[in-house]
Amino acid sequence: MPVPDDPILALCALHSLALALFHIAFWKLFRWPKTLQSTTLPNRAILQIANVQLIWLFLGVAILCWRYPAQLRETPLGHAVMFGMCGFWVVRLLQQFVFLRVSHPLVHGLSVVFALGAFLFALPLFQ
């Protein structure tokens, strides 16, 4: 698949793909389902289902950014998608400080990744 002409949207695609791959690794990284055995069945199911849905979302956004850069930049629907993804990353960054109050370099690194996502998806809206 050729690299899109738009370097910012190519970076948005790579960011989304990287997050999808990161979420695919959750089962191994967090030793699911073993570590989830201590919670209820509904909580185990909800957590894993939400994670699979995030993988699907990130892959879909990566494909949109890779295959349809002109439409994302030039149409109202494309702007809505970009605004929605920027908002997604802003809200995710804020939730980091509400739900994951851990002072650890990896957590801070994730905060940078989320802020980068908000920045990347906002850029095309202002160019």
C-alpha atoms as a PDB file:
ATOM      1  CA  MET A   1       0.000   0.000   0.000  1.00  0.00           C
ATOM      2  CA  PRO A   2       1.535   3.360  -0.987  1.00  0.00           C
ATOM      3  CA  VAL A   3       2.325   6.006   1.614  1.00  0.00           C
ATOM      4  CA  PRO A   4      -0.278   8.780   1.557  1.00  0.00           C
ATOM      5  CA  ASP A   5       0.768  12.173   0.172  1.00  0.00           C
ATOM      6  CA  ASP A   6      -0.201  13.766   3.480  1.00  0.00           C
ATOM      7  CA  PRO A   7       2.552  13.260   6.090  1.00  0.00           C
ATOM      8  CA  ILE A   8       0.365  14.386   9.016  1.00  0.00           C
ATOM      9  CA  LEU A   9      -2.367  11.892   8.178  1.00  0.00           C
ATOM     10  CA  ALA A  10       0.283   9.219   7.635  1.00  0.00           C
ATOM     11  CA  LEU A  11       1.450   9.941  11.201  1.00  0.00           C
ATOM     12  CA  CYS A  12      -2.163   9.775  12.417  1.00  0.00           C
ATOM     13  CA  ALA A  13      -2.464   6.375  10.732  1.00  0.00           C
ATOM     14  CA  LEU A  14       0.767   5.133  12.314  1.00  0.00           C
ATOM     15  CA  HIS A  15      -0.291   6.442  15.740  1.00  0.00           C
ATOM     16  CA  SER A  16      -3.619   4.612  15.469  1.00  0.00           C
ATOM     17  CA  LEU A  17      -1.957   1.433  14.219  1.00  0.00           C
ATOM     18  CA  ALA A  18       0.563   1.537  17.075  1.00  0.00           C
ATOM     19  CA  LEU A  19      -2.257   1.891  19.617  1.00  0.00           C
ATOM     20  CA  ALA A  20      -4.127  -1.008  18.018  1.00  0.00           C
ATOM     21  CA  LEU A  21      -1.023  -3.201  18.291  1.00  0.00           C
ATOM     22  CA  PHE A  22      -0.497  -2.077  21.888  1.00  0.00           C
ATOM     23  CA  HIS A  23      -4.073  -3.067  22.746  1.00  0.00           C
ATOM     24  CA  ILE A  24      -3.653  -6.419  20.998  1.00  0.00           C
ATOM     25  CA  ALA A  25      -0.740  -7.049  23.375  1.00  0.00           C
ATOM     26  CA  PHE A  26      -2.874  -6.410  26.483  1.00  0.00           C
ATOM     27  CA  TRP A  27      -3.665 -10.103  26.971  1.00  0.00           C
ATOM     28  CA  LYS A  28       0.034 -10.887  27.283  1.00  0.00           C
ATOM     29  CA  LEU A  29       1.189  -7.644  28.932  1.00  0.00           C
ATOM     30  CA  PHE A  30      -1.411  -7.789  31.688  1.00  0.00           C
ATOM     31  CA  ARG A  31      -1.624 -11.603  31.799  1.00  0.00           C
ATOM     32  CA  TRP A  32      -5.295 -11.689  30.936  1.00  0.00           C
ATOM     33  CA  PRO A  33      -7.451 -13.669  31.687  1.00  0.00           C
ATOM     34  CA  LYS A  34      -5.454 -14.961  34.724  1.00  0.00           C
ATOM     35  CA  THR A  35      -5.185 -11.552  36.388  1.00  0.00           C
ATOM     36  CA  LEU A  36      -8.863 -10.884  35.663  1.00  0.00           C
ATOM     37  CA  GLN A  37      -9.975 -13.980  37.590  1.00  0.00           C
ATOM     38  CA  SER A  38     -10.135 -11.924  40.780  1.00  0.00           C
ATOM     39  CA  THR A  39     -12.988  -9.810  39.423  1.00  0.00           C
ATOM     40  CA  THR A  40     -16.538 -10.680  38.416  1.00  0.00           C
ATOM     41  CA  LEU A  41     -17.483 -12.283  35.117  1.00  0.00           C
ATOM     42  CA  PRO A  42     -19.263  -9.119  33.915  1.00  0.00           C
ATOM     43  CA  ASN A  43     -16.191  -6.996  34.718  1.00  0.00           C
ATOM     44  CA  ARG A  44     -13.885  -9.452  32.912  1.00  0.00           C
ATOM     45  CA  ALA A  45     -16.169  -9.479  29.901  1.00  0.00           C
ATOM     46  CA  ILE A  46     -16.663  -5.710  29.771  1.00  0.00           C
ATOM     47  CA  LEU A  47     -12.936  -5.011  30.002  1.00  0.00           C
ATOM     48  CA  GLN A  48     -11.997  -7.456  27.256  1.00  0.00           C
ATOM     49  CA  ILE A  49     -14.908  -6.495  24.999  1.00  0.00           C
ATOM     50  CA  ALA A  50     -14.063  -2.792  25.347  1.00  0.00           C
ATOM     51  CA  ASN A  51     -10.447  -3.570  24.508  1.00  0.00           C
ATOM     52  CA  VAL A  52     -11.397  -5.508  21.362  1.00  0.00           C
ATOM     53  CA  GLN A  53     -13.656  -2.637  20.301  1.00  0.00           C
ATOM     54  CA  LEU A  54     -10.787  -0.159  20.786  1.00  0.00           C
ATOM     55  CA  ILE A  55      -8.568  -2.326  18.583  1.00  0.00           C
ATOM     56  CA  TRP A  56     -11.283  -2.267  15.915  1.00  0.00           C
ATOM     57  CA  LEU A  57     -11.660   1.531  16.237  1.00  0.00           C
ATOM     58  CA  PHE A  58      -7.917   2.198  16.006  1.00  0.00           C
ATOM     59  CA  LEU A  59      -7.532  -0.061  12.977  1.00  0.00           C
ATOM     60  CA  GLY A  60     -10.487   1.613  11.267  1.00  0.00           C
ATOM     61  CA  VAL A  61      -9.105   5.088  11.910  1.00  0.00           C
ATOM     62  CA  ALA A  62      -5.668   4.023  10.675  1.00  0.00           C
ATOM     63  CA  ILE A  63      -7.230   2.775   7.438  1.00  0.00           C
ATOM     64  CA  LEU A  64      -9.234   5.992   7.005  1.00  0.00           C
ATOM     65  CA  CYS A  65      -6.131   8.139   7.503  1.00  0.00           C
ATOM     66  CA  TRP A  66      -4.077   5.989   5.159  1.00  0.00           C
ATOM     67  CA  ARG A  67      -6.613   5.557   2.373  1.00  0.00           C
ATOM     68  CA  TYR A  68      -8.707   8.749   2.468  1.00  0.00           C
ATOM     69  CA  PRO A  69      -6.460  11.668   3.464  1.00  0.00           C
ATOM     70  CA  ALA A  70      -8.058  14.135   1.018  1.00  0.00           C
ATOM     71  CA  GLN A  71     -11.559  13.359   2.261  1.00  0.00           C
ATOM     72  CA  LEU A  72     -10.465  13.763   5.889  1.00  0.00           C
ATOM     73  CA  ARG A  73      -8.899  17.136   5.139  1.00  0.00           C
ATOM     74  CA  GLU A  74     -11.446  18.554   2.695  1.00  0.00           C
ATOM     75  CA  THR A  75     -14.941  17.436   3.726  1.00  0.00           C
ATOM     76  CA  PRO A  76     -17.172  18.261   6.674  1.00  0.00           C
ATOM     77  CA  LEU A  77     -17.420  14.536   7.477  1.00  0.00           C
ATOM     78  CA  GLY A  78     -13.636  14.242   7.413  1.00  0.00           C
ATOM     79  CA  HIS A  79     -13.327  17.227   9.746  1.00  0.00           C
ATOM     80  CA  ALA A  80     -15.860  15.618  12.075  1.00  0.00           C
ATOM     81  CA  VAL A  81     -13.798  12.409  12.150  1.00  0.00           C
ATOM     82  CA  MET A  82     -10.605  14.341  12.871  1.00  0.00           C
ATOM     83  CA  PHE A  83     -12.313  16.451  15.542  1.00  0.00           C
ATOM     84  CA  GLY A  84     -13.794  13.298  17.079  1.00  0.00           C
ATOM     85  CA  MET A  85     -10.402  11.590  17.253  1.00  0.00           C
ATOM     86  CA  CYS A  86      -8.763  14.708  18.677  1.00  0.00           C
ATOM     87  CA  GLY A  87     -11.496  14.786  21.328  1.00  0.00           C
ATOM     88  CA  PHE A  88     -11.037  11.070  21.974  1.00  0.00           C
ATOM     89  CA  TRP A  89      -7.353  11.618  22.796  1.00  0.00           C
ATOM     90  CA  VAL A  90      -7.988  14.728  24.896  1.00  0.00           C
ATOM     91  CA  VAL A  91     -10.593  12.883  26.974  1.00  0.00           C
ATOM     92  CA  ARG A  92      -8.306   9.835  27.243  1.00  0.00           C
ATOM     93  CA  LEU A  93      -5.474  12.059  28.476  1.00  0.00           C
ATOM     94  CA  LEU A  94      -7.736  13.656  31.102  1.00  0.00           C
ATOM     95  CA  GLN A  95      -8.955  10.236  32.255  1.00  0.00           C
ATOM     96  CA  GLN A  96      -5.327   9.246  32.759  1.00  0.00           C
ATOM     97  CA  PHE A  97      -5.144  11.778  35.607  1.00  0.00           C
ATOM     98  CA  VAL A  98      -8.518  10.794  37.087  1.00  0.00           C
ATOM     99  CA  PHE A  99      -8.304   6.987  37.017  1.00  0.00           C
ATOM    100  CA  LEU A 100      -4.579   6.178  36.811  1.00  0.00           C
ATOM    101  CA  ARG A 101      -2.957   8.325  39.458  1.00  0.00           C
ATOM    102  CA  VAL A 102       0.379   6.559  39.299  1.00  0.00           C
ATOM    103  CA  SER A 103       3.688   8.361  39.063  1.00  0.00           C
ATOM    104  CA  HIS A 104       5.643   5.985  36.850  1.00  0.00           C
ATOM    105  CA  PRO A 105       7.685   6.660  33.694  1.00  0.00           C
ATOM    106  CA  LEU A 106       5.508   4.294  31.622  1.00  0.00           C
ATOM    107  CA  VAL A 107       2.343   6.107  32.709  1.00  0.00           C
ATOM    108  CA  HIS A 108       3.940   9.448  31.849  1.00  0.00           C
ATOM    109  CA  GLY A 109       4.996   8.001  28.491  1.00  0.00           C
ATOM    110  CA  LEU A 110       1.401   6.986  27.786  1.00  0.00           C
ATOM    111  CA  SER A 111       0.277  10.513  28.644  1.00  0.00           C
ATOM    112  CA  VAL A 112       2.685  11.823  26.007  1.00  0.00           C
ATOM    113  CA  VAL A 113       1.301   9.330  23.466  1.00  0.00           C
ATOM    114  CA  PHE A 114      -2.269  10.473  24.196  1.00  0.00           C
ATOM    115  CA  ALA A 115      -1.304  14.166  23.948  1.00  0.00           C
ATOM    116  CA  LEU A 116       0.490  13.406  20.671  1.00  0.00           C
ATOM    117  CA  GLY A 117      -2.690  11.793  19.326  1.00  0.00           C
ATOM    118  CA  ALA A 118      -4.730  14.891  20.199  1.00  0.00           C
ATOM    119  CA  PHE A 119      -2.131  17.120  18.544  1.00  0.00           C
ATOM    120  CA  LEU A 120      -1.811  15.013  15.377  1.00  0.00           C
ATOM    121  CA  PHE A 121      -5.556  14.725  14.816  1.00  0.00           C
ATOM    122  CA  ALA A 122      -6.056  18.465  15.488  1.00  0.00           C
ATOM    123  CA  LEU A 123      -3.362  19.623  13.042  1.00  0.00           C
ATOM    124  CA  PRO A 124      -5.322  19.005   9.814  1.00  0.00           C
ATOM    125  CA  LEU A 125      -8.212  21.041  11.235  1.00  0.00           C
ATOM    126  CA  PHE A 126      -6.006  24.146  11.399  1.00  0.00           C
ATOM    127  CA  GLN A 127      -4.052  23.803   8.161  1.00  0.00           C
END
